Amino acid sequence: MERVTLRIPKQQIEEVEQLVDSGEFPNRSEAIRSAVREMINEQNDGRHEQSGKRGWAKV
């Protein structure tokens, strides 16, 4: 696995921490990996359903 450094708004990190604290994810890294997997899956599903791109919100 590779290490990636990124900047995330404080509010979003706090929300990720809440998911970890609630037991939904074992740690922040796994929560973020899960979000990336979901984004990739949605992108792939969108390509099969339509030819247009699906947009993600920019922060």
Protein backbone atom coordinates (compact mmCIF):
# COMPACT_ATOMS: atom_id res chain seq x y z
CA MET A 1 0.00 0.00 0.00
CA GLU A 2 1.23 3.49 -0.75
CA ARG A 3 1.05 6.44 1.61
CA VAL A 4 -0.77 9.52 0.31
CA THR A 5 -0.79 12.90 2.00
CA LEU A 6 -3.84 15.06 1.47
CA ARG A 7 -5.58 18.04 2.98
CA ILE A 8 -9.15 17.62 4.17
CA PRO A 9 -11.31 20.31 5.79
CA LYS A 10 -11.43 20.06 9.58
CA GLN A 11 -15.20 19.49 9.61
CA GLN A 12 -14.88 16.46 7.32
CA ILE A 13 -12.11 14.98 9.47
CA GLU A 14 -14.30 15.46 12.54
CA GLU A 15 -17.10 13.58 10.77
CA VAL A 16 -14.70 10.77 9.84
CA GLU A 17 -13.58 10.63 13.48
CA GLN A 18 -17.23 10.26 14.53
CA LEU A 19 -17.55 7.25 12.21
CA VAL A 20 -14.45 5.74 13.81
CA ASP A 21 -15.64 6.52 17.33
CA SER A 22 -19.02 4.90 16.60
CA GLY A 23 -17.24 1.72 15.51
CA GLU A 24 -18.30 1.90 11.88
CA PHE A 25 -14.62 1.92 10.84
CA PRO A 26 -11.55 0.79 12.75
CA ASN A 27 -9.57 3.94 11.89
CA ARG A 28 -9.51 7.05 9.70
CA SER A 29 -7.45 5.40 7.00
CA GLU A 30 -9.98 2.62 6.50
CA ALA A 31 -12.86 5.12 6.44
CA ILE A 32 -11.13 7.15 3.74
CA ARG A 33 -10.19 4.00 1.75
CA SER A 34 -13.85 2.98 1.89
CA ALA A 35 -14.93 6.38 0.56
CA VAL A 36 -12.42 6.13 -2.30
CA ARG A 37 -13.64 2.61 -3.17
CA GLU A 38 -17.23 3.85 -3.20
CA MET A 39 -16.32 6.79 -5.44
CA ILE A 40 -14.53 4.49 -7.89
CA ASN A 41 -17.43 2.02 -7.92
CA GLU A 42 -19.91 4.82 -8.60
CA GLN A 43 -17.73 6.14 -11.41
CA ASN A 44 -17.52 2.67 -12.96
CA ASP A 45 -21.27 2.10 -12.60
CA GLY A 46 -21.93 5.48 -14.23
CA ARG A 47 -19.80 4.58 -17.22
CA HIS A 48 -21.91 1.51 -17.83
CA GLU A 49 -25.19 3.40 -17.45
CA GLN A 50 -24.36 6.52 -19.43
CA SER A 51 -21.59 8.02 -21.44
CA GLY A 52 -21.51 11.31 -19.48
CA LYS A 53 -19.27 11.95 -16.50
CA ARG A 54 -20.55 11.97 -12.95
CA GLY A 55 -19.29 14.95 -11.03
CA TRP A 56 -17.96 15.07 -7.49
CA ALA A 57 -18.31 18.18 -5.40
CA LYS A 58 -15.21 20.28 -5.17
CA VAL A 59 -14.26 21.63 -1.77
